[in-house]
Full PDB file with SEQRES, HELIX, SHEET, SSBOND, CRYST1, ORIGX, SCALE, CONECT and MASTER records, all heavy atoms in Angstrom:
SEQRES   1 A   43  ALA VAL GLN GLN LEU GLY GLU PRO TYR ASN HIS ASP PHE          
SEQRES   2 A   43  ASN GLY ASP SER GLN ARG GLY VAL GLY PHE TYR GLN PHE          
SEQRES   3 A   43  MET ASN ARG ALA GLY ARG ARG SER SER SER ALA TYR ALA          
SEQRES   4 A   43  PHE ILE SER PRO                                              
HELIX    1 AA1 GLN A    3  LEU A    5  5                                   3    
HELIX    2 AA2 SER A   36  SER A   36  1                                   1    
HELIX    3 AA3 ALA A   37  ILE A   41  3                                   5    
SHEET    1 AA1 2 ASN A  28  ARG A  29  0                                        
SHEET    2 AA1 2 ARG A  32  ARG A  33 -1                                        
CRYST1    1.000    1.000    1.000  90.00  90.00  90.00 P 1           1          
ORIGX1      1.000000  0.000000  0.000000        0.00000                         
ORIGX2      0.000000  1.000000  0.000000        0.00000                         
ORIGX3      0.000000  0.000000  1.000000        0.00000                         
SCALE1      1.000000  0.000000  0.000000        0.00000                         
SCALE2      0.000000  1.000000  0.000000        0.00000                         
SCALE3      0.000000  0.000000  1.000000        0.00000                         
ATOM      1  N   ALA A   1     -57.949  -3.232-105.413  1.00  0.00           N  
ATOM      2  CA  ALA A   1     -58.248  -4.156-106.512  1.00  0.00           C  
ATOM      3  C   ALA A   1     -59.489  -3.716-107.283  1.00  0.00           C  
ATOM      4  O   ALA A   1     -59.516  -3.783-108.519  1.00  0.00           O  
ATOM      5  CB  ALA A   1     -58.438  -5.570-105.962  1.00  0.00           C  
ATOM      6  N   VAL A   2     -60.522  -3.269-106.579  1.00  0.00           N  
ATOM      7  CA  VAL A   2     -61.756  -2.850-107.266  1.00  0.00           C  
ATOM      8  C   VAL A   2     -61.518  -1.570-108.059  1.00  0.00           C  
ATOM      9  O   VAL A   2     -62.086  -1.381-109.135  1.00  0.00           O  
ATOM     10  CB  VAL A   2     -62.906  -2.689-106.251  1.00  0.00           C  
ATOM     11  CG1 VAL A   2     -64.159  -2.158-106.939  1.00  0.00           C  
ATOM     12  CG2 VAL A   2     -63.223  -4.031-105.578  1.00  0.00           C  
ATOM     13  N   GLN A   3     -60.655  -0.694-107.561  1.00  0.00           N  
ATOM     14  CA  GLN A   3     -60.307   0.491-108.356  1.00  0.00           C  
ATOM     15  C   GLN A   3     -59.620   0.087-109.660  1.00  0.00           C  
ATOM     16  O   GLN A   3     -59.813   0.739-110.700  1.00  0.00           O  
ATOM     17  CB  GLN A   3     -59.399   1.419-107.551  1.00  0.00           C  
ATOM     18  CG  GLN A   3     -60.108   2.171-106.431  1.00  0.00           C  
ATOM     19  CD  GLN A   3     -59.168   3.100-105.694  1.00  0.00           C  
ATOM     20  OE1 GLN A   3     -58.908   4.219-106.132  1.00  0.00           O  
ATOM     21  NE2 GLN A   3     -58.649   2.629-104.575  1.00  0.00           N  
ATOM     22  N   GLN A   4     -58.838  -0.974-109.629  1.00  0.00           N  
ATOM     23  CA  GLN A   4     -58.176  -1.431-110.850  1.00  0.00           C  
ATOM     24  C   GLN A   4     -59.162  -1.978-111.872  1.00  0.00           C  
ATOM     25  O   GLN A   4     -58.823  -2.125-113.051  1.00  0.00           O  
ATOM     26  CB  GLN A   4     -57.123  -2.484-110.506  1.00  0.00           C  
ATOM     27  CG  GLN A   4     -55.932  -1.901-109.757  1.00  0.00           C  
ATOM     28  CD  GLN A   4     -54.790  -2.900-109.592  1.00  0.00           C  
ATOM     29  OE1 GLN A   4     -54.739  -3.920-110.269  1.00  0.00           O  
ATOM     30  NE2 GLN A   4     -53.876  -2.589-108.695  1.00  0.00           N  
ATOM     31  N   LEU A   5     -60.397  -2.261-111.424  1.00  0.00           N  
ATOM     32  CA  LEU A   5     -61.450  -2.661-112.361  1.00  0.00           C  
ATOM     33  C   LEU A   5     -62.161  -1.456-112.969  1.00  0.00           C  
ATOM     34  O   LEU A   5     -63.107  -1.617-113.745  1.00  0.00           O  
ATOM     35  CB  LEU A   5     -62.470  -3.554-111.649  1.00  0.00           C  
ATOM     36  CG  LEU A   5     -61.986  -4.947-111.249  1.00  0.00           C  
ATOM     37  CD1 LEU A   5     -63.053  -5.664-110.433  1.00  0.00           C  
ATOM     38  CD2 LEU A   5     -61.625  -5.773-112.480  1.00  0.00           C  
ATOM     39  N   GLY A   6     -61.730  -0.253-112.601  1.00  0.00           N  
ATOM     40  CA  GLY A   6     -62.308   0.957-113.184  1.00  0.00           C  
ATOM     41  C   GLY A   6     -63.332   1.656-112.329  1.00  0.00           C  
ATOM     42  O   GLY A   6     -63.907   2.675-112.757  1.00  0.00           O  
ATOM     43  N   GLU A   7     -63.577   1.153-111.119  1.00  0.00           N  
ATOM     44  CA  GLU A   7     -64.549   1.810-110.244  1.00  0.00           C  
ATOM     45  C   GLU A   7     -63.889   2.965-109.496  1.00  0.00           C  
ATOM     46  O   GLU A   7     -62.743   2.843-109.040  1.00  0.00           O  
ATOM     47  CB  GLU A   7     -65.133   0.810-109.238  1.00  0.00           C  
ATOM     48  CG  GLU A   7     -66.037  -0.228-109.872  1.00  0.00           C  
ATOM     49  CD  GLU A   7     -67.248   0.391-110.549  1.00  0.00           C  
ATOM     50  OE1 GLU A   7     -67.854   1.316-109.967  1.00  0.00           O  
ATOM     51  OE2 GLU A   7     -67.592  -0.042-111.667  1.00  0.00           O  
ATOM     52  N   PRO A   8     -64.587   4.086-109.330  1.00  0.00           N  
ATOM     53  CA  PRO A   8     -63.996   5.230-108.630  1.00  0.00           C  
ATOM     54  C   PRO A   8     -63.911   4.986-107.128  1.00  0.00           C  
ATOM     55  O   PRO A   8     -64.690   4.215-106.562  1.00  0.00           O  
ATOM     56  CB  PRO A   8     -64.973   6.367-108.936  1.00  0.00           C  
ATOM     57  CG  PRO A   8     -66.291   5.681-109.134  1.00  0.00           C  
ATOM     58  CD  PRO A   8     -65.958   4.368-109.805  1.00  0.00           C  
ATOM     59  N   TYR A   9     -62.939   5.655-106.500  1.00  0.00           N  
ATOM     60  CA  TYR A   9     -62.888   5.651-105.038  1.00  0.00           C  
ATOM     61  C   TYR A   9     -63.974   6.587-104.519  1.00  0.00           C  
ATOM     62  O   TYR A   9     -64.081   7.736-104.968  1.00  0.00           O  
ATOM     63  CB  TYR A   9     -61.522   6.108-104.531  1.00  0.00           C  
ATOM     64  CG  TYR A   9     -61.456   6.179-103.019  1.00  0.00           C  
ATOM     65  CD1 TYR A   9     -61.298   5.017-102.279  1.00  0.00           C  
ATOM     66  CD2 TYR A   9     -61.584   7.389-102.358  1.00  0.00           C  
ATOM     67  CE1 TYR A   9     -61.254   5.069-100.887  1.00  0.00           C  
ATOM     68  CE2 TYR A   9     -61.541   7.454-100.967  1.00  0.00           C  
ATOM     69  CZ  TYR A   9     -61.381   6.282-100.236  1.00  0.00           C  
ATOM     70  OH  TYR A   9     -61.356   6.329 -98.873  1.00  0.00           O  
ATOM     71  N   ASN A  10     -64.783   6.111-103.578  1.00  0.00           N  
ATOM     72  CA  ASN A  10     -65.882   6.896-103.025  1.00  0.00           C  
ATOM     73  C   ASN A  10     -65.589   7.172-101.553  1.00  0.00           C  
ATOM     74  O   ASN A  10     -65.517   6.240-100.747  1.00  0.00           O  
ATOM     75  CB  ASN A  10     -67.207   6.146-103.183  1.00  0.00           C  
ATOM     76  CG  ASN A  10     -68.417   7.025-102.893  1.00  0.00           C  
ATOM     77  OD1 ASN A  10     -68.326   7.995-102.147  1.00  0.00           O  
ATOM     78  ND2 ASN A  10     -69.544   6.679-103.476  1.00  0.00           N  
ATOM     79  N   HIS A  11     -65.461   8.425-101.184  1.00  0.00           N  
ATOM     80  CA  HIS A  11     -65.126   8.771 -99.799  1.00  0.00           C  
ATOM     81  C   HIS A  11     -66.363   8.853 -98.918  1.00  0.00           C  
ATOM     82  O   HIS A  11     -66.258   8.963 -97.697  1.00  0.00           O  
ATOM     83  CB  HIS A  11     -64.376  10.106 -99.751  1.00  0.00           C  
ATOM     84  CG  HIS A  11     -65.267  11.304 -99.840  1.00  0.00           C  
ATOM     85  ND1 HIS A  11     -65.898  11.682-101.004  1.00  0.00           N  
ATOM     86  CD2 HIS A  11     -65.640  12.208 -98.892  1.00  0.00           C  
ATOM     87  CE1 HIS A  11     -66.618  12.762-100.777  1.00  0.00           C  
ATOM     88  NE2 HIS A  11     -66.485  13.098 -99.509  1.00  0.00           N  
ATOM     89  N   ASP A  12     -67.565   8.798 -99.534  1.00  0.00           N  
ATOM     90  CA  ASP A  12     -68.796   8.913 -98.752  1.00  0.00           C  
ATOM     91  C   ASP A  12     -69.939   8.269 -99.522  1.00  0.00           C  
ATOM     92  O   ASP A  12     -70.484   8.856-100.452  1.00  0.00           O  
ATOM     93  CB  ASP A  12     -69.109  10.384 -98.463  1.00  0.00           C  
ATOM     94  CG  ASP A  12     -70.418  10.566 -97.698  1.00  0.00           C  
ATOM     95  OD1 ASP A  12     -70.912   9.580 -97.120  1.00  0.00           O  
ATOM     96  OD2 ASP A  12     -70.931  11.707 -97.682  1.00  0.00           O  
ATOM     97  N   PHE A  13     -70.334   7.056 -99.114  1.00  0.00           N  
ATOM     98  CA  PHE A  13     -71.433   6.356 -99.787  1.00  0.00           C  
ATOM     99  C   PHE A  13     -72.784   7.022 -99.538  1.00  0.00           C  
ATOM    100  O   PHE A  13     -73.770   6.681-100.189  1.00  0.00           O  
ATOM    101  CB  PHE A  13     -71.486   4.895 -99.341  1.00  0.00           C  
ATOM    102  CG  PHE A  13     -70.325   4.063 -99.821  1.00  0.00           C  
ATOM    103  CD1 PHE A  13     -69.513   3.402 -98.918  1.00  0.00           C  
ATOM    104  CD2 PHE A  13     -70.062   3.932-101.173  1.00  0.00           C  
ATOM    105  CE1 PHE A  13     -68.446   2.615 -99.354  1.00  0.00           C  
ATOM    106  CE2 PHE A  13     -68.999   3.154-101.624  1.00  0.00           C  
ATOM    107  CZ  PHE A  13     -68.184   2.498-100.713  1.00  0.00           C  
ATOM    108  N   ASN A  14     -72.860   7.936 -98.577  1.00  0.00           N  
ATOM    109  CA  ASN A  14     -74.088   8.674 -98.301  1.00  0.00           C  
ATOM    110  C   ASN A  14     -74.022  10.101 -98.840  1.00  0.00           C  
ATOM    111  O   ASN A  14     -74.777  10.969 -98.408  1.00  0.00           O  
ATOM    112  CB  ASN A  14     -74.345   8.718 -96.788  1.00  0.00           C  
ATOM    113  CG  ASN A  14     -74.631   7.342 -96.214  1.00  0.00           C  
ATOM    114  OD1 ASN A  14     -75.580   6.684 -96.609  1.00  0.00           O  
ATOM    115  ND2 ASN A  14     -73.795   6.901 -95.281  1.00  0.00           N  
ATOM    116  N   GLY A  15     -73.130  10.334 -99.783  1.00  0.00           N  
ATOM    117  CA  GLY A  15     -72.923  11.680-100.301  1.00  0.00           C  
ATOM    118  C   GLY A  15     -73.484  11.886-101.691  1.00  0.00           C  
ATOM    119  O   GLY A  15     -74.602  11.458-102.000  1.00  0.00           O  
ATOM    120  N   ASP A  16     -72.692  12.518-102.560  1.00  0.00           N  
ATOM    121  CA  ASP A  16     -73.158  12.893-103.898  1.00  0.00           C  
ATOM    122  C   ASP A  16     -73.526  11.689-104.757  1.00  0.00           C  
ATOM    123  O   ASP A  16     -74.442  11.758-105.567  1.00  0.00           O  
ATOM    124  CB  ASP A  16     -72.078  13.703-104.619  1.00  0.00           C  
ATOM    125  CG  ASP A  16     -71.949  15.106-104.073  1.00  0.00           C  
ATOM    126  OD1 ASP A  16     -72.946  15.613-103.526  1.00  0.00           O  
ATOM    127  OD2 ASP A  16     -70.862  15.695-104.178  1.00  0.00           O  
ATOM    128  N   SER A  17     -72.802  10.601-104.608  1.00  0.00           N  
ATOM    129  CA  SER A  17     -73.048   9.421-105.431  1.00  0.00           C  
ATOM    130  C   SER A  17     -72.749   8.169-104.622  1.00  0.00           C  
ATOM    131  O   SER A  17     -71.824   8.141-103.815  1.00  0.00           O  
ATOM    132  CB  SER A  17     -72.156   9.445-106.684  1.00  0.00           C  
ATOM    133  OG  SER A  17     -72.276   8.238-107.413  1.00  0.00           O  
ATOM    134  N   GLN A  18     -73.548   7.144-104.848  1.00  0.00           N  
ATOM    135  CA  GLN A  18     -73.338   5.889-104.135  1.00  0.00           C  
ATOM    136  C   GLN A  18     -72.294   5.015-104.826  1.00  0.00           C  
ATOM    137  O   GLN A  18     -71.669   4.162-104.175  1.00  0.00           O  
ATOM    138  CB  GLN A  18     -74.676   5.137-104.051  1.00  0.00           C  
ATOM    139  CG  GLN A  18     -74.738   4.026-103.039  1.00  0.00           C  
ATOM    140  CD  GLN A  18     -76.094   3.345-103.014  1.00  0.00           C  
ATOM    141  OE1 GLN A  18     -76.579   2.854-104.043  1.00  0.00           O  
ATOM    142  NE2 GLN A  18     -76.714   3.313-101.852  1.00  0.00           N  
ATOM    143  N   ARG A  19     -72.075   5.211-106.095  1.00  0.00           N  
ATOM    144  CA  ARG A  19     -71.220   4.317-106.880  1.00  0.00           C  
ATOM    145  C   ARG A  19     -69.759   4.400-106.452  1.00  0.00           C  
ATOM    146  O   ARG A  19     -69.235   5.458-106.116  1.00  0.00           O  
ATOM    147  CB  ARG A  19     -71.316   4.665-108.361  1.00  0.00           C  
ATOM    148  CG  ARG A  19     -70.460   3.737-109.228  1.00  0.00           C  
ATOM    149  CD  ARG A  19     -70.357   4.194-110.654  1.00  0.00           C  
ATOM    150  NE  ARG A  19     -69.326   3.419-111.359  1.00  0.00           N  
ATOM    151  CZ  ARG A  19     -68.884   3.694-112.571  1.00  0.00           C  
ATOM    152  NH1 ARG A  19     -69.368   4.721-113.242  1.00  0.00           N  
ATOM    153  NH2 ARG A  19     -67.939   2.948-113.115  1.00  0.00           N  
ATOM    154  N   GLY A  20     -69.097   3.255-106.493  1.00  0.00           N  
ATOM    155  CA  GLY A  20     -67.658   3.211-106.272  1.00  0.00           C  
ATOM    156  C   GLY A  20     -67.274   2.278-105.151  1.00  0.00           C  
ATOM    157  O   GLY A  20     -68.077   1.489-104.648  1.00  0.00           O  
ATOM    158  N   VAL A  21     -66.007   2.360-104.753  1.00  0.00           N  
ATOM    159  CA  VAL A  21     -65.456   1.503-103.709  1.00  0.00           C  
ATOM    160  C   VAL A  21     -64.802   2.386-102.663  1.00  0.00           C  
ATOM    161  O   VAL A  21     -64.251   3.450-102.975  1.00  0.00           O  
ATOM    162  CB  VAL A  21     -64.445   0.500-104.305  1.00  0.00           C  
ATOM    163  CG1 VAL A  21     -63.256   1.206-104.941  1.00  0.00           C  
ATOM    164  CG2 VAL A  21     -63.983  -0.507-103.255  1.00  0.00           C  
ATOM    165  N   GLY A  22     -64.864   1.963-101.421  1.00  0.00           N  
ATOM    166  CA  GLY A  22     -64.272   2.762-100.356  1.00  0.00           C  
ATOM    167  C   GLY A  22     -64.522   2.137 -99.002  1.00  0.00           C  
ATOM    168  O   GLY A  22     -64.766   0.931 -98.894  1.00  0.00           O  
ATOM    169  N   PHE A  23     -64.490   2.964 -97.974  1.00  0.00           N  
ATOM    170  CA  PHE A  23     -64.653   2.494 -96.598  1.00  0.00           C  
ATOM    171  C   PHE A  23     -65.964   3.033 -96.035  1.00  0.00           C  
ATOM    172  O   PHE A  23     -66.293   4.213 -96.199  1.00  0.00           O  
ATOM    173  CB  PHE A  23     -63.471   2.954 -95.736  1.00  0.00           C  
ATOM    174  CG  PHE A  23     -62.151   2.441 -96.247  1.00  0.00           C  
ATOM    175  CD1 PHE A  23     -61.316   3.250 -96.999  1.00  0.00           C  
ATOM    176  CD2 PHE A  23     -61.758   1.130 -96.000  1.00  0.00           C  
ATOM    177  CE1 PHE A  23     -60.107   2.782 -97.488  1.00  0.00           C  
ATOM    178  CE2 PHE A  23     -60.545   0.650 -96.485  1.00  0.00           C  
ATOM    179  CZ  PHE A  23     -59.725   1.470 -97.233  1.00  0.00           C  
ATOM    180  N   TYR A  24     -66.692   2.160 -95.383  1.00  0.00           N  
ATOM    181  CA  TYR A  24     -67.969   2.547 -94.783  1.00  0.00           C  
ATOM    182  C   TYR A  24     -67.744   3.424 -93.560  1.00  0.00           C  
ATOM    183  O   TYR A  24     -66.659   3.432 -92.958  1.00  0.00           O  
ATOM    184  CB  TYR A  24     -68.759   1.310 -94.358  1.00  0.00           C  
ATOM    185  CG  TYR A  24     -69.274   0.462 -95.494  1.00  0.00           C  
ATOM    186  CD1 TYR A  24     -68.783  -0.827 -95.715  1.00  0.00           C  
ATOM    187  CD2 TYR A  24     -70.263   0.939 -96.344  1.00  0.00           C  
ATOM    188  CE1 TYR A  24     -69.274  -1.609 -96.746  1.00  0.00           C  
ATOM    189  CE2 TYR A  24     -70.755   0.159 -97.385  1.00  0.00           C  
ATOM    190  CZ  TYR A  24     -70.255  -1.111 -97.584  1.00  0.00           C  
ATOM    191  OH  TYR A  24     -70.736  -1.881 -98.618  1.00  0.00           O  
ATOM    192  N   GLN A  25     -68.796   4.138 -93.179  1.00  0.00           N  
ATOM    193  CA  GLN A  25     -68.852   4.733 -91.855  1.00  0.00           C  
ATOM    194  C   GLN A  25     -69.742   3.860 -90.983  1.00  0.00           C  
ATOM    195  O   GLN A  25     -70.548   3.067 -91.480  1.00  0.00           O  
ATOM    196  CB  GLN A  25     -69.370   6.170 -91.912  1.00  0.00           C  
ATOM    197  CG  GLN A  25     -68.358   7.151 -92.488  1.00  0.00           C  
ATOM    198  CD  GLN A  25     -68.659   8.586 -92.081  1.00  0.00           C  
ATOM    199  OE1 GLN A  25     -69.724   9.114 -92.364  1.00  0.00           O  
ATOM    200  NE2 GLN A  25     -67.705   9.232 -91.404  1.00  0.00           N  
ATOM    201  N   PHE A  26     -69.587   4.034 -89.661  1.00  0.00           N  
ATOM    202  CA  PHE A  26     -70.237   3.121 -88.725  1.00  0.00           C  
ATOM    203  C   PHE A  26     -70.892   3.884 -87.588  1.00  0.00           C  
ATOM    204  O   PHE A  26     -70.481   4.997 -87.232  1.00  0.00           O  
ATOM    205  CB  PHE A  26     -69.211   2.132 -88.152  1.00  0.00           C  
ATOM    206  CG  PHE A  26     -68.603   1.259 -89.208  1.00  0.00           C  
ATOM    207  CD1 PHE A  26     -67.506   1.682 -89.936  1.00  0.00           C  
ATOM    208  CD2 PHE A  26     -69.150   0.029 -89.503  1.00  0.00           C  
ATOM    209  CE1 PHE A  26     -66.950   0.900 -90.936  1.00  0.00           C  
ATOM    210  CE2 PHE A  26     -68.612  -0.770 -90.500  1.00  0.00           C  
ATOM    211  CZ  PHE A  26     -67.507  -0.331 -91.220  1.00  0.00           C  
ATOM    212  N   MET A  27     -71.902   3.246 -87.002  1.00  0.00           N  
ATOM    213  CA  MET A  27     -72.596   3.824 -85.859  1.00  0.00           C  
ATOM    214  C   MET A  27     -71.884   3.404 -84.577  1.00  0.00           C  
ATOM    215  O   MET A  27     -72.344   2.543 -83.822  1.00  0.00           O  
ATOM    216  CB  MET A  27     -74.065   3.393 -85.869  1.00  0.00           C  
ATOM    217  CG  MET A  27     -74.845   4.031 -87.022  1.00  0.00           C  
ATOM    218  SD  MET A  27     -76.519   3.417 -87.224  1.00  0.00           S  
ATOM    219  CE  MET A  27     -76.193   1.867 -88.074  1.00  0.00           C  
ATOM    220  N   ASN A  28     -70.712   4.012 -84.359  1.00  0.00           N  
ATOM    221  CA  ASN A  28     -69.949   3.788 -83.133  1.00  0.00           C  
ATOM    222  C   ASN A  28     -68.968   4.941 -82.954  1.00  0.00           C  
ATOM    223  O   ASN A  28     -68.827   5.795 -83.825  1.00  0.00           O  
ATOM    224  CB  ASN A  28     -69.235   2.418 -83.142  1.00  0.00           C  
ATOM    225  CG  ASN A  28     -68.257   2.266 -84.298  1.00  0.00           C  
ATOM    226  OD1 ASN A  28     -67.524   3.186 -84.645  1.00  0.00           O  
ATOM    227  ND2 ASN A  28     -68.243   1.087 -84.915  1.00  0.00           N  
ATOM    228  N   ARG A  29     -68.297   4.934 -81.833  1.00  0.00           N  
ATOM    229  CA  ARG A  29     -67.301   5.974 -81.565  1.00  0.00           C  
ATOM    230  C   ARG A  29     -66.342   5.439 -80.509  1.00  0.00           C  
ATOM    231  O   ARG A  29     -66.767   4.925 -79.470  1.00  0.00           O  
ATOM    232  CB  ARG A  29     -67.988   7.253 -81.070  1.00  0.00           C  
ATOM    233  CG  ARG A  29     -67.089   8.461 -80.768  1.00  0.00           C  
ATOM    234  CD  ARG A  29     -66.534   9.085 -82.051  1.00  0.00           C  
ATOM    235  NE  ARG A  29     -67.528   9.411 -83.054  1.00  0.00           N  
ATOM    236  CZ  ARG A  29     -68.299  10.512 -83.063  1.00  0.00           C  
ATOM    237  NH1 ARG A  29     -68.191  11.408 -82.092  1.00  0.00           N  
ATOM    238  NH2 ARG A  29     -69.145  10.717 -84.046  1.00  0.00           N  
ATOM    239  N   ALA A  30     -65.052   5.542 -80.793  1.00  0.00           N  
ATOM    240  CA  ALA A  30     -64.005   5.135 -79.851  1.00  0.00           C  
ATOM    241  C   ALA A  30     -64.199   3.697 -79.373  1.00  0.00           C  
ATOM    242  O   ALA A  30     -64.008   3.380 -78.203  1.00  0.00           O  
ATOM    243  CB  ALA A  30     -63.973   6.090 -78.657  1.00  0.00           C  
ATOM    244  N   GLY A  31     -64.606   2.821 -80.297  1.00  0.00           N  
ATOM    245  CA  GLY A  31     -64.727   1.405 -79.963  1.00  0.00           C  
ATOM    246  C   GLY A  31     -65.986   1.025 -79.226  1.00  0.00           C  
ATOM    247  O   GLY A  31     -66.094  -0.093 -78.728  1.00  0.00           O  
ATOM    248  N   ARG A  32     -66.983   1.926 -79.184  1.00  0.00           N  
ATOM    249  CA  ARG A  32     -68.237   1.588 -78.509  1.00  0.00           C  
ATOM    250  C   ARG A  32     -69.404   1.830 -79.455  1.00  0.00           C  
ATOM    251  O   ARG A  32     -69.492   2.868 -80.115  1.00  0.00           O  
ATOM    252  CB  ARG A  32     -68.427   2.419 -77.243  1.00  0.00           C  
ATOM    253  CG  ARG A  32     -69.709   2.056 -76.506  1.00  0.00           C  
ATOM    254  CD  ARG A  32     -69.822   2.733 -75.168  1.00  0.00           C  
ATOM    255  NE  ARG A  32     -71.059   2.370 -74.499  1.00  0.00           N  
ATOM    256  CZ  ARG A  32     -71.412   2.773 -73.294  1.00  0.00           C  
ATOM    257  NH1 ARG A  32     -70.606   3.562 -72.601  1.00  0.00           N  
ATOM    258  NH2 ARG A  32     -72.562   2.410 -72.759  1.00  0.00           N  
ATOM    259  N   ARG A  33     -70.310   0.870 -79.493  1.00  0.00           N  
ATOM    260  CA  ARG A  33     -71.483   0.928 -80.355  1.00  0.00           C  
ATOM    261  C   ARG A  33     -72.368   2.120 -79.988  1.00  0.00           C  
ATOM    262  O   ARG A  33     -72.562   2.445 -78.812  1.00  0.00           O  
ATOM    263  CB  ARG A  33     -72.267  -0.376 -80.200  1.00  0.00           C  
ATOM    264  CG  ARG A  33     -73.535  -0.465 -81.047  1.00  0.00           C  
ATOM    265  CD  ARG A  33     -74.314  -1.720 -80.695  1.00  0.00           C  
ATOM    266  NE  ARG A  33     -73.589  -2.909 -81.080  1.00  0.00           N  
ATOM    267  CZ  ARG A  33     -73.703  -3.511 -82.263  1.00  0.00           C  
ATOM    268  NH1 ARG A  33     -74.502  -2.993 -83.177  1.00  0.00           N  
ATOM    269  NH2 ARG A  33     -73.019  -4.613 -82.527  1.00  0.00           N  
ATOM    270  N   SER A  34     -72.924   2.753 -81.012  1.00  0.00           N  
ATOM    271  CA  SER A  34     -73.928   3.794 -80.806  1.00  0.00           C  
ATOM    272  C   SER A  34     -75.248   3.273 -81.361  1.00  0.00           C  
ATOM    273  O   SER A  34     -75.639   3.567 -82.484  1.00  0.00           O  
ATOM    274  CB  SER A  34     -73.525   5.104 -81.503  1.00  0.00           C  
ATOM    275  OG  SER A  34     -74.466   6.121 -81.258  1.00  0.00           O  
ATOM    276  N   SER A  35     -75.940   2.476 -80.567  1.00  0.00           N  
ATOM    277  CA  SER A  35     -77.229   1.914 -80.969  1.00  0.00           C  
ATOM    278  C   SER A  35     -78.333   2.921 -80.694  1.00  0.00           C  
ATOM    279  O   SER A  35     -78.132   3.952 -80.039  1.00  0.00           O  
ATOM    280  CB  SER A  35     -77.506   0.631 -80.184  1.00  0.00           C  
ATOM    281  OG  SER A  35     -77.661   0.934 -78.791  1.00  0.00           O  
ATOM    282  N   SER A  36     -79.541   2.621 -81.163  1.00  0.00           N  
ATOM    283  CA  SER A  36     -80.658   3.512 -80.858  1.00  0.00           C  
ATOM    284  C   SER A  36     -80.967   3.498 -79.367  1.00  0.00           C  
ATOM    285  O   SER A  36     -81.464   4.485 -78.823  1.00  0.00           O  
ATOM    286  CB  SER A  36     -81.900   3.115 -81.662  1.00  0.00           C  
ATOM    287  OG  SER A  36     -82.325   1.812 -81.333  1.00  0.00           O  
ATOM    288  N   ALA A  37     -80.640   2.388 -78.693  1.00  0.00           N  
ATOM    289  CA  ALA A  37     -80.855   2.328 -77.244  1.00  0.00           C  
ATOM    290  C   ALA A  37     -79.919   3.289 -76.525  1.00  0.00           C  
ATOM    291  O   ALA A  37     -80.339   4.055 -75.637  1.00  0.00           O  
ATOM    292  CB  ALA A  37     -80.649   0.903 -76.744  1.00  0.00           C  
ATOM    293  N   TYR A  38     -78.629   3.270 -76.898  1.00  0.00           N  
ATOM    294  CA  TYR A  38     -77.677   4.176 -76.270  1.00  0.00           C  
ATOM    295  C   TYR A  38     -77.930   5.630 -76.688  1.00  0.00           C  
ATOM    296  O   TYR A  38     -77.881   6.553 -75.862  1.00  0.00           O  
ATOM    297  CB  TYR A  38     -76.244   3.793 -76.633  1.00  0.00           C  
ATOM    298  CG  TYR A  38     -75.681   2.673 -75.789  1.00  0.00           C  
ATOM    299  CD1 TYR A  38     -75.180   1.520 -76.369  1.00  0.00           C  
ATOM    300  CD2 TYR A  38     -75.643   2.778 -74.399  1.00  0.00           C  
ATOM    301  CE1 TYR A  38     -74.658   0.496 -75.589  1.00  0.00           C  
ATOM    302  CE2 TYR A  38     -75.121   1.758 -73.618  1.00  0.00           C  
ATOM    303  CZ  TYR A  38     -74.639   0.619 -74.218  1.00  0.00           C  
ATOM    304  OH  TYR A  38     -74.125  -0.394 -73.445  1.00  0.00           O  
ATOM    305  N   ALA A  39     -78.171   5.845 -77.977  1.00  0.00           N  
ATOM    306  CA  ALA A  39     -78.271   7.212 -78.487  1.00  0.00           C  
ATOM    307  C   ALA A  39     -79.540   7.919 -78.032  1.00  0.00           C  
ATOM    308  O   ALA A  39     -79.511   9.126 -77.742  1.00  0.00           O  
ATOM    309  CB  ALA A  39     -78.200   7.196 -80.010  1.00  0.00           C  
ATOM    310  N   PHE A  40     -80.654   7.190 -77.941  1.00  0.00           N  
ATOM    311  CA  PHE A  40     -81.929   7.850 -77.712  1.00  0.00           C  
ATOM    312  C   PHE A  40     -82.586   7.514 -76.366  1.00  0.00           C  
ATOM    313  O   PHE A  40     -83.265   8.371 -75.794  1.00  0.00           O  
ATOM    314  CB  PHE A  40     -82.892   7.506 -78.855  1.00  0.00           C  
ATOM    315  CG  PHE A  40     -82.425   8.010 -80.184  1.00  0.00           C  
ATOM    316  CD1 PHE A  40     -81.684   7.198 -81.026  1.00  0.00           C  
ATOM    317  CD2 PHE A  40     -82.708   9.298 -80.587  1.00  0.00           C  
ATOM    318  CE1 PHE A  40     -81.232   7.659 -82.253  1.00  0.00           C  
ATOM    319  CE2 PHE A  40     -82.264   9.772 -81.804  1.00  0.00           C  
ATOM    320  CZ  PHE A  40     -81.522   8.959 -82.648  1.00  0.00           C  
ATOM    321  N   ILE A  41     -82.396   6.290 -75.872  1.00  0.00           N  
ATOM    322  CA  ILE A  41     -83.072   5.902 -74.630  1.00  0.00           C  
ATOM    323  C   ILE A  41     -82.223   6.203 -73.396  1.00  0.00           C  
ATOM    324  O   ILE A  41     -82.732   6.704 -72.390  1.00  0.00           O  
ATOM    325  CB  ILE A  41     -83.446   4.410 -74.663  1.00  0.00           C  
ATOM    326  CG1 ILE A  41     -84.429   4.150 -75.809  1.00  0.00           C  
ATOM    327  CG2 ILE A  41     -84.063   3.984 -73.339  1.00  0.00           C  
ATOM    328  CD1 ILE A  41     -85.727   4.926 -75.739  1.00  0.00           C  
ATOM    329  N   SER A  42     -80.919   5.931 -73.460  1.00  0.00           N  
ATOM    330  CA  SER A  42     -80.064   6.157 -72.286  1.00  0.00           C  
ATOM    331  C   SER A  42     -80.135   7.587 -71.747  1.00  0.00           C  
ATOM    332  O   SER A  42     -80.172   7.781 -70.524  1.00  0.00           O  
ATOM    333  CB  SER A  42     -78.615   5.782 -72.605  1.00  0.00           C  
ATOM    334  OG  SER A  42     -78.484   4.390 -72.774  1.00  0.00           O  
ATOM    335  N   PRO A  43     -80.175   8.626 -72.601  1.00  0.00           N  
ATOM    336  CA  PRO A  43     -80.265   9.990 -72.043  1.00  0.00           C  
ATOM    337  C   PRO A  43     -81.547  10.252 -71.260  1.00  0.00           C  
ATOM    338  O   PRO A  43     -81.620  11.228 -70.509  1.00  0.00           O  
ATOM    339  CB  PRO A  43     -80.207  10.878 -73.299  1.00  0.00           C  
ATOM    340  CG  PRO A  43     -79.494  10.049 -74.315  1.00  0.00           C  
ATOM    341  CD  PRO A  43     -79.948   8.650 -74.057  1.00  0.00           C  
TER     342      PRO A  43                                                      
MASTER        0    0    0    3    2    0    0    6  341    1    0    4          
END                                                                             
């Protein structure tokens, strides 16, 4: 629907341009959260 308003599809909001509509990426993997506690303290 947002593309029909003229906004471009954005495959990476952290890439070349922030503008547009698309799907976010998330700090998780295979259904498990990757928090700073898991990523940096657990090891």
